[in-house]
Amino acid sequence: MKLGFYPDVVNENVTRIVASTVVVLGVITILFPNLVVLGLLLLGFLLRLSYGPKWEPFAFFTSRYLVPWLGISFVPSAGPPKRFAQLIGFSFSLTAIVLFLNGFFLSYQIVLATLVFFASLESFLGWCAGCFMFGLLMKAGIIPEEVCERCNNLNFNK
């Protein structure tokens, strides 16, 4: 497996469950400022950004064990927009850590609250703000056409 591999098709249900962990960790860190939990958020986004659910522990556990055990169906979703959303989450987490380390506690809590809000939309409603932005960037021509073609030509019968 090479660095930077992200699957073309991901399970929307796994994505929503993993987003709920972002919500829980984010709320814990807002209420109880903690560099370790902030680091876990950042690491989770970094690992999911790089490999999808392959190496991030909760995403791996959810996709391999929790979803099959609960009998939750595979709902295909395009991977590239989800990866873009992971990049945004990584950026918010990194910003929160920088603000926290520099003593800007209210600012770091606002950044985390924003992350929690959008992760909640993904988790509870299935609406991905990063995916929405990805679509707008494709329409604007900022995302290359070959990425757009890959999204449009996915085999969702996996």
Protein backbone atom coordinates (compact mmCIF):
# COMPACT_ATOMS: atom_id res chain seq x y z
CA MET A 1 0.00 0.00 0.00
CA LYS A 2 1.45 3.33 -1.02
CA LEU A 3 1.27 6.54 0.97
CA GLY A 4 -1.68 8.60 -0.05
CA PHE A 5 -3.96 5.76 -1.15
CA TYR A 6 -7.61 6.53 -0.56
CA PRO A 7 -10.34 4.26 -1.87
CA ASP A 8 -12.48 5.43 -4.79
CA VAL A 9 -15.57 4.05 -3.07
CA VAL A 10 -16.24 4.26 0.66
CA ASN A 11 -19.13 3.09 2.83
CA GLU A 12 -21.30 6.07 3.69
CA ASN A 13 -22.50 4.33 6.85
CA VAL A 14 -18.94 3.88 8.12
CA THR A 15 -18.23 7.52 7.33
CA ARG A 16 -21.22 8.63 9.38
CA ILE A 17 -20.25 6.48 12.37
CA VAL A 18 -16.66 7.75 12.27
CA ALA A 19 -17.97 11.33 12.08
CA SER A 20 -19.78 10.67 15.34
CA THR A 21 -16.42 9.93 17.00
CA VAL A 22 -15.21 13.33 15.80
CA VAL A 23 -18.29 14.85 17.42
CA VAL A 24 -17.66 13.06 20.73
CA LEU A 25 -13.92 13.81 20.83
CA GLY A 26 -14.54 17.42 19.78
CA VAL A 27 -17.15 18.02 22.48
CA ILE A 28 -14.91 16.42 25.13
CA THR A 29 -12.03 18.64 24.08
CA ILE A 30 -14.17 21.78 24.06
CA LEU A 31 -15.47 21.08 27.56
CA PHE A 32 -12.21 19.68 28.97
CA PRO A 33 -9.26 21.22 27.10
CA ASN A 34 -6.78 18.44 26.49
CA LEU A 35 -3.82 18.33 24.12
CA VAL A 36 -3.87 14.53 23.99
CA VAL A 37 -7.44 14.38 22.70
CA LEU A 38 -6.69 17.20 20.25
CA GLY A 39 -3.73 15.14 19.05
CA LEU A 40 -5.98 12.09 18.61
CA LEU A 41 -8.37 14.15 16.48
CA LEU A 42 -5.50 15.38 14.33
CA LEU A 43 -3.96 11.91 14.01
CA GLY A 44 -7.32 10.42 13.08
CA PHE A 45 -7.82 12.93 10.29
CA LEU A 46 -4.24 12.46 9.09
CA LEU A 47 -4.57 8.68 8.93
CA ARG A 48 -7.98 8.81 7.23
CA LEU A 49 -6.72 11.45 4.81
CA SER A 50 -3.78 9.23 3.89
CA TYR A 51 -5.36 5.79 3.82
CA GLY A 52 -9.09 6.01 4.33
CA PRO A 53 -10.21 3.51 6.97
CA LYS A 54 -7.17 1.22 6.59
CA TRP A 55 -4.96 2.56 9.38
CA GLU A 56 -7.08 4.85 11.54
CA PRO A 57 -8.08 2.61 14.46
CA PHE A 58 -11.72 3.58 14.92
CA ALA A 59 -12.45 3.69 11.18
CA PHE A 60 -10.78 0.29 10.77
CA PHE A 61 -12.73 -1.19 13.69
CA THR A 62 -15.98 0.32 12.42
CA SER A 63 -15.55 -0.86 8.83
CA ARG A 64 -14.21 -4.35 9.63
CA TYR A 65 -16.12 -5.32 12.75
CA LEU A 66 -18.83 -2.93 14.00
CA VAL A 67 -20.74 -2.43 10.74
CA PRO A 68 -20.78 -6.16 9.83
CA TRP A 69 -21.67 -7.15 13.40
CA LEU A 70 -24.59 -4.71 13.45
CA GLY A 71 -25.64 -5.80 9.96
CA ILE A 72 -25.43 -2.26 8.60
CA SER A 73 -25.53 -2.23 4.82
CA PHE A 74 -22.83 -0.99 2.47
CA VAL A 75 -23.95 2.33 1.03
CA PRO A 76 -21.44 3.39 -1.61
CA SER A 77 -20.14 6.93 -1.70
CA ALA A 78 -17.44 8.52 -3.85
CA GLY A 79 -14.08 8.54 -2.09
CA PRO A 80 -12.46 11.73 -3.46
CA PRO A 81 -15.04 14.12 -1.94
CA LYS A 82 -14.77 12.28 1.39
CA ARG A 83 -10.99 12.59 1.25
CA PHE A 84 -11.35 16.32 0.65
CA ALA A 85 -13.58 16.47 3.73
CA GLN A 86 -10.83 14.70 5.72
CA LEU A 87 -8.39 17.39 4.57
CA ILE A 88 -10.72 20.08 5.88
CA GLY A 89 -11.08 18.24 9.18
CA PHE A 90 -7.31 17.89 9.40
CA SER A 91 -6.95 21.64 8.78
CA PHE A 92 -9.45 22.48 11.51
CA SER A 93 -7.76 20.09 13.96
CA LEU A 94 -4.32 21.50 13.20
CA THR A 95 -5.60 25.05 13.61
CA ALA A 96 -7.17 24.11 16.94
CA ILE A 97 -3.88 22.65 18.21
CA VAL A 98 -1.91 25.72 17.15
CA LEU A 99 -4.43 28.01 18.86
CA PHE A 100 -4.44 25.82 21.98
CA LEU A 101 -0.64 25.78 22.21
CA ASN A 102 -0.52 29.56 21.88
CA GLY A 103 -3.06 30.11 24.64
CA PHE A 104 -5.98 31.23 22.46
CA PHE A 105 -8.47 29.01 24.27
CA LEU A 106 -11.68 30.69 23.15
CA SER A 107 -10.47 30.68 19.53
CA TYR A 108 -9.54 27.00 19.68
CA GLN A 109 -12.95 26.19 21.15
CA ILE A 110 -14.69 28.11 18.34
CA VAL A 111 -12.66 26.22 15.72
CA LEU A 112 -13.51 22.91 17.38
CA ALA A 113 -17.18 23.88 17.72
CA THR A 114 -17.25 24.55 13.98
CA LEU A 115 -15.67 21.15 13.33
CA VAL A 116 -18.18 19.48 15.67
CA PHE A 117 -21.08 21.25 13.95
CA PHE A 118 -20.10 20.01 10.49
CA ALA A 119 -19.19 16.53 11.76
CA SER A 120 -22.66 16.44 13.35
CA LEU A 121 -24.27 17.25 10.01
CA GLU A 122 -22.37 14.32 8.47
CA SER A 123 -23.06 11.96 11.35
CA PHE A 124 -26.71 12.67 12.06
CA LEU A 125 -28.05 13.92 8.72
CA GLY A 126 -25.66 12.40 6.18
CA TRP A 127 -24.80 15.81 4.72
CA CYS A 128 -21.09 16.31 4.08
CA ALA A 129 -20.05 19.97 3.90
CA GLY A 130 -16.61 19.02 2.54
CA CYS A 131 -18.27 16.96 -0.20
CA PHE A 132 -20.53 19.91 -1.02
CA MET A 133 -17.48 22.18 -1.31
CA PHE A 134 -15.74 19.54 -3.44
CA GLY A 135 -18.69 19.64 -5.83
CA LEU A 136 -18.57 23.43 -6.02
CA LEU A 137 -14.82 23.32 -6.72
CA MET A 138 -15.42 20.79 -9.52
CA LYS A 139 -18.07 23.04 -11.06
CA ALA A 140 -15.66 25.98 -10.84
CA GLY A 141 -12.98 23.95 -12.63
CA ILE A 142 -10.59 24.01 -9.67
CA ILE A 143 -10.78 20.23 -9.15
CA PRO A 144 -9.30 18.56 -12.27
CA GLU A 145 -11.72 16.88 -14.68
CA GLU A 146 -10.13 13.45 -14.25
CA VAL A 147 -11.14 13.50 -10.59
CA CYS A 148 -14.66 14.47 -11.62
CA GLU A 149 -14.69 11.66 -14.20
CA ARG A 150 -13.56 9.16 -11.56
CA CYS A 151 -16.47 10.23 -9.34
CA ASN A 152 -18.95 9.92 -12.19
CA ASN A 153 -17.69 6.55 -13.40
CA LEU A 154 -17.49 4.62 -10.15
CA ASN A 155 -18.84 1.12 -10.00
CA PHE A 156 -21.17 1.28 -7.01
CA ASN A 157 -22.04 -2.41 -7.20
CA LYS A 158 -19.12 -3.44 -4.97
